[in-house]
């Protein structure tokens, strides 16, 4: 059996380990995900649909307002026409005498069936 021997004492100064060079920070790449592009397009489309709906609603409200004004004007015009007006009195200074007709009376005839 071998006898254990200790390590020799060294008088050398410890070696300074060279530090590895420091790497630059990694710059992330600007990723363009399809889902992000689709979300932007969808938001733009939703905005267009909302704008179109708002315009249609505004157009309908304007048309209803115009129709209400037309109906009110028509009612005003009809009410003006319906105001009772005085009629002229007939002339009673000449009495009315009916005259006999100058036409011959019709001759009745049998129907032909």
N, C-alpha and C. Protein backbone atom coordinates (compact mmCIF):
# COMPACT_ATOMS: atom_id res chain seq x y z
N UNK A 1 0.80 -1.15 0.00
CA UNK A 1 0.00 0.00 0.00
C UNK A 1 0.86 1.25 0.00
N UNK A 2 0.49 2.15 -0.96
CA UNK A 2 1.30 3.36 -1.01
C UNK A 2 0.93 4.33 0.10
N UNK A 3 1.87 5.11 0.46
CA UNK A 3 1.67 6.06 1.54
C UNK A 3 1.25 7.38 0.91
N UNK A 4 0.27 8.02 1.51
CA UNK A 4 -0.25 9.28 0.97
C UNK A 4 0.77 10.37 1.17
N UNK A 5 1.02 11.12 0.12
CA UNK A 5 1.96 12.22 0.21
C UNK A 5 1.23 13.51 -0.04
N UNK A 6 1.59 14.55 0.65
CA UNK A 6 0.95 15.83 0.49
C UNK A 6 1.47 16.58 -0.71
N UNK A 7 0.77 17.57 -1.13
CA UNK A 7 1.20 18.37 -2.27
C UNK A 7 2.33 19.28 -1.83
N UNK A 8 3.29 19.57 -2.71
CA UNK A 8 4.39 20.43 -2.30
C UNK A 8 3.92 21.88 -2.12
N UNK A 9 4.62 22.55 -1.23
CA UNK A 9 4.33 23.95 -1.03
C UNK A 9 4.88 24.73 -2.20
N UNK A 10 4.06 25.67 -2.70
CA UNK A 10 4.53 26.45 -3.84
C UNK A 10 4.85 27.84 -3.40
N UNK A 11 5.85 28.40 -3.98
CA UNK A 11 6.20 29.77 -3.66
C UNK A 11 5.81 30.70 -4.79
N UNK A 12 5.29 30.15 -5.85
CA UNK A 12 4.88 30.99 -6.97
C UNK A 12 3.64 31.80 -6.58
N UNK A 13 3.58 32.98 -7.18
CA UNK A 13 2.38 33.79 -6.95
C UNK A 13 1.23 33.17 -7.76
N UNK A 14 0.03 33.29 -7.24
CA UNK A 14 -1.08 32.69 -7.99
C UNK A 14 -1.27 33.41 -9.33
N UNK A 15 -1.62 32.64 -10.30
CA UNK A 15 -1.82 33.21 -11.63
C UNK A 15 -3.16 33.95 -11.65
N UNK A 16 -3.14 35.14 -12.25
CA UNK A 16 -4.38 35.90 -12.43
C UNK A 16 -5.11 35.34 -13.66
N UNK A 17 -6.28 34.92 -13.40
CA UNK A 17 -7.06 34.40 -14.53
C UNK A 17 -7.55 35.57 -15.39
N UNK A 18 -7.43 35.44 -16.68
CA UNK A 18 -7.87 36.50 -17.60
C UNK A 18 -9.38 36.39 -17.75
N UNK A 19 -10.00 37.52 -17.48
CA UNK A 19 -11.46 37.53 -17.62
C UNK A 19 -11.80 37.51 -19.11
N UNK A 20 -12.82 36.78 -19.47
CA UNK A 20 -13.22 36.80 -20.88
C UNK A 20 -13.77 38.17 -21.24
N UNK A 21 -13.62 38.55 -22.51
CA UNK A 21 -14.13 39.88 -22.88
C UNK A 21 -15.64 39.98 -22.70
N UNK A 22 -16.08 41.16 -22.27
CA UNK A 22 -17.51 41.38 -22.01
C UNK A 22 -18.22 41.54 -23.35
N UNK A 23 -19.25 40.76 -23.53
CA UNK A 23 -20.01 40.85 -24.78
C UNK A 23 -20.98 42.03 -24.72
N UNK A 24 -21.26 42.57 -25.89
CA UNK A 24 -22.24 43.67 -25.96
C UNK A 24 -23.63 43.11 -25.68
N UNK A 25 -24.48 44.01 -25.16
CA UNK A 25 -25.85 43.60 -24.89
C UNK A 25 -26.54 43.25 -26.21
N UNK A 26 -27.34 42.24 -26.15
CA UNK A 26 -28.06 41.81 -27.35
C UNK A 26 -29.19 42.80 -27.65
N UNK A 27 -29.23 43.25 -28.88
CA UNK A 27 -30.29 44.18 -29.30
C UNK A 27 -31.43 43.33 -29.87
N UNK A 28 -32.62 43.47 -29.29
CA UNK A 28 -33.72 42.65 -29.79
C UNK A 28 -34.15 43.09 -31.20
N UNK A 29 -34.55 42.14 -32.01
CA UNK A 29 -35.02 42.43 -33.35
C UNK A 29 -36.48 42.84 -33.25
N UNK A 30 -36.85 43.87 -34.00
CA UNK A 30 -38.24 44.33 -34.01
C UNK A 30 -39.08 43.33 -34.79
N UNK A 31 -39.87 42.57 -34.07
CA UNK A 31 -40.67 41.54 -34.70
C UNK A 31 -42.00 42.11 -35.18
N UNK A 32 -42.41 41.71 -36.35
CA UNK A 32 -43.73 42.10 -36.86
C UNK A 32 -44.57 40.84 -36.95
N UNK A 33 -45.36 40.64 -35.94
CA UNK A 33 -46.20 39.45 -35.91
C UNK A 33 -47.43 39.66 -36.79
N UNK A 34 -47.87 38.60 -37.42
CA UNK A 34 -49.05 38.70 -38.28
C UNK A 34 -50.28 39.08 -37.45
N UNK A 35 -50.33 38.60 -36.22
CA UNK A 35 -51.48 38.93 -35.37
C UNK A 35 -51.53 40.44 -35.07
N UNK A 36 -50.34 41.07 -34.89
CA UNK A 36 -50.32 42.51 -34.66
C UNK A 36 -50.78 43.28 -35.89
N UNK A 37 -50.31 42.86 -37.06
CA UNK A 37 -50.71 43.52 -38.31
C UNK A 37 -52.22 43.36 -38.51
N UNK A 38 -52.72 42.17 -38.24
CA UNK A 38 -54.15 41.90 -38.40
C UNK A 38 -54.96 42.73 -37.40
N UNK A 39 -54.45 42.90 -36.19
CA UNK A 39 -55.17 43.70 -35.20
C UNK A 39 -55.26 45.15 -35.65
N UNK A 40 -54.19 45.69 -36.24
CA UNK A 40 -54.23 47.08 -36.73
C UNK A 40 -55.23 47.21 -37.86
N UNK A 41 -55.20 46.24 -38.80
CA UNK A 41 -56.15 46.29 -39.92
C UNK A 41 -57.59 46.17 -39.42
N UNK A 42 -57.81 45.30 -38.46
CA UNK A 42 -59.15 45.10 -37.92
C UNK A 42 -59.63 46.36 -37.20
N UNK A 43 -58.75 47.01 -36.47
CA UNK A 43 -59.13 48.25 -35.78
C UNK A 43 -59.50 49.33 -36.80
N UNK A 44 -58.72 49.43 -37.90
CA UNK A 44 -59.02 50.40 -38.95
C UNK A 44 -60.38 50.08 -39.58
N UNK A 45 -60.64 48.80 -39.84
CA UNK A 45 -61.92 48.39 -40.43
C UNK A 45 -63.08 48.69 -39.48
N UNK A 46 -62.90 48.38 -38.20
CA UNK A 46 -63.95 48.65 -37.22
C UNK A 46 -64.24 50.15 -37.15
N UNK A 47 -63.19 50.96 -37.24
CA UNK A 47 -63.39 52.41 -37.23
C UNK A 47 -64.18 52.86 -38.46
N UNK A 48 -63.87 52.29 -39.63
CA UNK A 48 -64.60 52.64 -40.85
C UNK A 48 -66.07 52.23 -40.74
N UNK A 49 -66.33 51.05 -40.20
CA UNK A 49 -67.70 50.58 -40.05
C UNK A 49 -68.46 51.49 -39.08
N UNK A 50 -67.81 51.87 -37.98
CA UNK A 50 -68.46 52.75 -37.01
C UNK A 50 -68.75 54.12 -37.64
N UNK A 51 -67.81 54.63 -38.43
CA UNK A 51 -68.01 55.93 -39.09
C UNK A 51 -69.16 55.85 -40.08
N UNK A 52 -69.22 54.76 -40.83
CA UNK A 52 -70.29 54.59 -41.80
C UNK A 52 -71.65 54.49 -41.09
N UNK A 53 -71.70 53.73 -40.01
CA UNK A 53 -72.94 53.62 -39.23
C UNK A 53 -73.37 54.96 -38.67
N UNK A 54 -72.40 55.75 -38.21
CA UNK A 54 -72.73 57.07 -37.68
C UNK A 54 -73.28 57.97 -38.77
N UNK A 55 -72.68 57.92 -39.97
CA UNK A 55 -73.16 58.73 -41.08
C UNK A 55 -74.57 58.33 -41.50
N UNK A 56 -74.83 57.02 -41.55
CA UNK A 56 -76.16 56.54 -41.91
C UNK A 56 -77.19 56.99 -40.88
N UNK A 57 -76.83 56.88 -39.61
CA UNK A 57 -77.73 57.31 -38.54
C UNK A 57 -78.02 58.80 -38.64
N UNK A 58 -76.98 59.58 -38.90
CA UNK A 58 -77.15 61.03 -39.04
C UNK A 58 -78.03 61.35 -40.25
N UNK A 59 -77.84 60.63 -41.35
CA UNK A 59 -78.65 60.84 -42.55
C UNK A 59 -80.12 60.52 -42.28
N UNK A 60 -80.37 59.40 -41.55
CA UNK A 60 -81.74 59.03 -41.22
C UNK A 60 -82.40 60.08 -40.34
N UNK A 61 -81.66 60.57 -39.35
CA UNK A 61 -82.22 61.59 -38.45
C UNK A 61 -82.55 62.86 -39.23
N UNK A 62 -81.66 63.25 -40.15
CA UNK A 62 -81.90 64.45 -40.96
C UNK A 62 -83.13 64.26 -41.85
N UNK A 63 -83.26 63.07 -42.43
CA UNK A 63 -84.41 62.80 -43.29
C UNK A 63 -85.71 62.81 -42.49
N UNK A 64 -85.70 62.22 -41.29
CA UNK A 64 -86.89 62.24 -40.44
C UNK A 64 -87.25 63.68 -40.04
N UNK A 65 -86.24 64.47 -39.76
CA UNK A 65 -86.51 65.87 -39.39
C UNK A 65 -87.14 66.62 -40.56
N UNK A 66 -86.62 66.38 -41.78
CA UNK A 66 -87.19 67.02 -42.97
C UNK A 66 -88.64 66.57 -43.18
N UNK A 67 -88.90 65.28 -42.98
CA UNK A 67 -90.27 64.79 -43.15
C UNK A 67 -91.20 65.40 -42.12
N UNK A 68 -90.74 65.54 -40.88
CA UNK A 68 -91.57 66.18 -39.85
C UNK A 68 -91.89 67.62 -40.24
N UNK A 69 -90.88 68.35 -40.74
CA UNK A 69 -91.13 69.72 -41.15
C UNK A 69 -92.13 69.78 -42.30
N UNK A 70 -92.00 68.86 -43.28
CA UNK A 70 -92.94 68.85 -44.39
C UNK A 70 -94.35 68.55 -43.92
N UNK A 71 -94.50 67.59 -43.01
CA UNK A 71 -95.83 67.26 -42.48
C UNK A 71 -96.42 68.46 -41.73
N UNK A 72 -95.60 69.13 -40.93
CA UNK A 72 -96.10 70.30 -40.20
C UNK A 72 -96.53 71.41 -41.16
N UNK A 73 -95.74 71.63 -42.21
CA UNK A 73 -96.12 72.65 -43.20
C UNK A 73 -97.42 72.28 -43.89
N UNK A 74 -97.58 71.00 -44.20
CA UNK A 74 -98.81 70.53 -44.86
C UNK A 74 -100.01 70.74 -43.94
N UNK A 75 -99.81 70.43 -42.66
CA UNK A 75 -100.91 70.62 -41.69
C UNK A 75 -101.27 72.09 -41.58
N UNK A 76 -100.27 72.96 -41.54
CA UNK A 76 -100.54 74.40 -41.47
C UNK A 76 -101.31 74.87 -42.69
N UNK A 77 -100.89 74.37 -43.88
CA UNK A 77 -101.55 74.79 -45.10
C UNK A 77 -103.00 74.30 -45.13
N UNK A 78 -103.23 73.06 -44.70
CA UNK A 78 -104.60 72.53 -44.68
C UNK A 78 -105.47 73.28 -43.68
N UNK A 79 -104.91 73.63 -42.55
CA UNK A 79 -105.69 74.37 -41.55
C UNK A 79 -106.07 75.75 -42.06
N UNK A 80 -105.16 76.37 -42.82
CA UNK A 80 -105.49 77.67 -43.40
C UNK A 80 -106.63 77.54 -44.40
N UNK A 81 -106.60 76.45 -45.18
CA UNK A 81 -107.66 76.25 -46.17
C UNK A 81 -108.99 75.95 -45.52
N UNK A 82 -108.97 75.32 -44.36
CA UNK A 82 -110.21 74.90 -43.71
C UNK A 82 -110.87 76.01 -42.88
N UNK A 83 -110.30 77.18 -42.86
CA UNK A 83 -110.91 78.27 -42.11
C UNK A 83 -112.23 78.63 -42.80
N UNK A 84 -113.34 78.60 -42.04
CA UNK A 84 -114.62 78.92 -42.68
C UNK A 84 -114.65 80.38 -43.13
N UNK A 85 -115.12 80.56 -44.35
CA UNK A 85 -115.20 81.91 -44.90
C UNK A 85 -116.66 82.25 -45.18
N UNK A 86 -117.00 83.48 -45.06
CA UNK A 86 -118.38 83.91 -45.29
C UNK A 86 -118.72 83.81 -46.77
N UNK A 87 -119.94 83.34 -47.04
CA UNK A 87 -120.40 83.25 -48.43
C UNK A 87 -121.32 84.43 -48.72
N UNK A 88 -121.37 84.79 -49.95
CA UNK A 88 -122.22 85.92 -50.35
C UNK A 88 -123.70 85.55 -50.19
N UNK A 89 -124.45 86.50 -49.80
CA UNK A 89 -125.90 86.30 -49.67
C UNK A 89 -126.53 86.25 -51.06
N UNK A 90 -127.46 85.35 -51.26
CA UNK A 90 -128.13 85.33 -52.57
C UNK A 90 -129.03 86.56 -52.73
N UNK A 91 -129.27 86.89 -53.98
CA UNK A 91 -130.15 88.02 -54.26
C UNK A 91 -131.59 87.56 -54.19
N UNK A 92 -132.39 88.20 -53.32
CA UNK A 92 -133.82 87.85 -53.19
C UNK A 92 -134.70 88.92 -53.83
N UNK A 93 -134.13 89.86 -54.52
CA UNK A 93 -134.96 90.90 -55.13
C UNK A 93 -135.71 90.38 -56.36
N UNK A 94 -135.18 89.30 -57.02
CA UNK A 94 -135.90 88.69 -58.14
C UNK A 94 -136.39 87.32 -57.70
N UNK A 95 -137.65 87.10 -57.71
CA UNK A 95 -138.14 85.77 -57.30
C UNK A 95 -137.80 84.73 -58.37
N UNK A 96 -137.53 83.50 -57.91
CA UNK A 96 -137.19 82.42 -58.82
C UNK A 96 -138.47 81.74 -59.29
N UNK A 97 -138.65 81.71 -60.63
CA UNK A 97 -139.81 81.05 -61.21
C UNK A 97 -139.28 79.96 -62.15
N UNK A 98 -139.52 78.70 -61.83
CA UNK A 98 -139.02 77.66 -62.70
C UNK A 98 -139.79 77.64 -64.02
N UNK A 99 -139.10 77.37 -65.13
CA UNK A 99 -139.76 77.31 -66.44
C UNK A 99 -139.93 75.87 -66.86
N UNK A 100 -140.89 75.64 -67.70
CA UNK A 100 -141.15 74.31 -68.21
C UNK A 100 -140.07 73.96 -69.24
N UNK A 101 -139.65 72.69 -69.25
CA UNK A 101 -138.62 72.25 -70.17
C UNK A 101 -139.16 72.20 -71.59
N UNK A 102 -138.30 72.48 -72.54
CA UNK A 102 -138.71 72.48 -73.94
C UNK A 102 -138.45 71.13 -74.60
N UNK A 103 -137.81 70.21 -73.93
CA UNK A 103 -137.54 68.90 -74.49
C UNK A 103 -138.79 68.03 -74.46
N UNK A 104 -138.83 67.11 -75.41
CA UNK A 104 -139.92 66.13 -75.46
C UNK A 104 -139.64 65.03 -74.44
N UNK A 105 -140.68 64.50 -73.82
CA UNK A 105 -140.46 63.41 -72.88
C UNK A 105 -139.99 62.14 -73.62
N UNK A 106 -139.25 61.30 -72.96
CA UNK A 106 -138.75 60.07 -73.58
C UNK A 106 -139.87 59.08 -73.76
N UNK A 107 -139.75 58.33 -74.86
CA UNK A 107 -140.76 57.32 -75.17
C UNK A 107 -140.25 55.99 -74.65
N UNK A 108 -141.00 55.32 -73.80
CA UNK A 108 -140.53 54.04 -73.29
C UNK A 108 -140.61 52.96 -74.35
N UNK A 109 -139.72 51.97 -74.30
CA UNK A 109 -139.77 50.86 -75.25
C UNK A 109 -139.42 49.58 -74.51
N UNK A 110 -139.81 48.48 -75.09
CA UNK A 110 -139.61 47.17 -74.48
C UNK A 110 -138.14 46.76 -74.61
N UNK A 111 -137.58 46.16 -73.57
CA UNK A 111 -136.22 45.65 -73.70
C UNK A 111 -136.19 44.40 -74.55
N UNK A 112 -135.12 44.21 -75.30
CA UNK A 112 -134.97 43.02 -76.14
C UNK A 112 -134.01 42.06 -75.47
N UNK A 113 -134.58 40.93 -75.05
CA UNK A 113 -133.74 39.93 -74.41
C UNK A 113 -133.36 38.85 -75.36
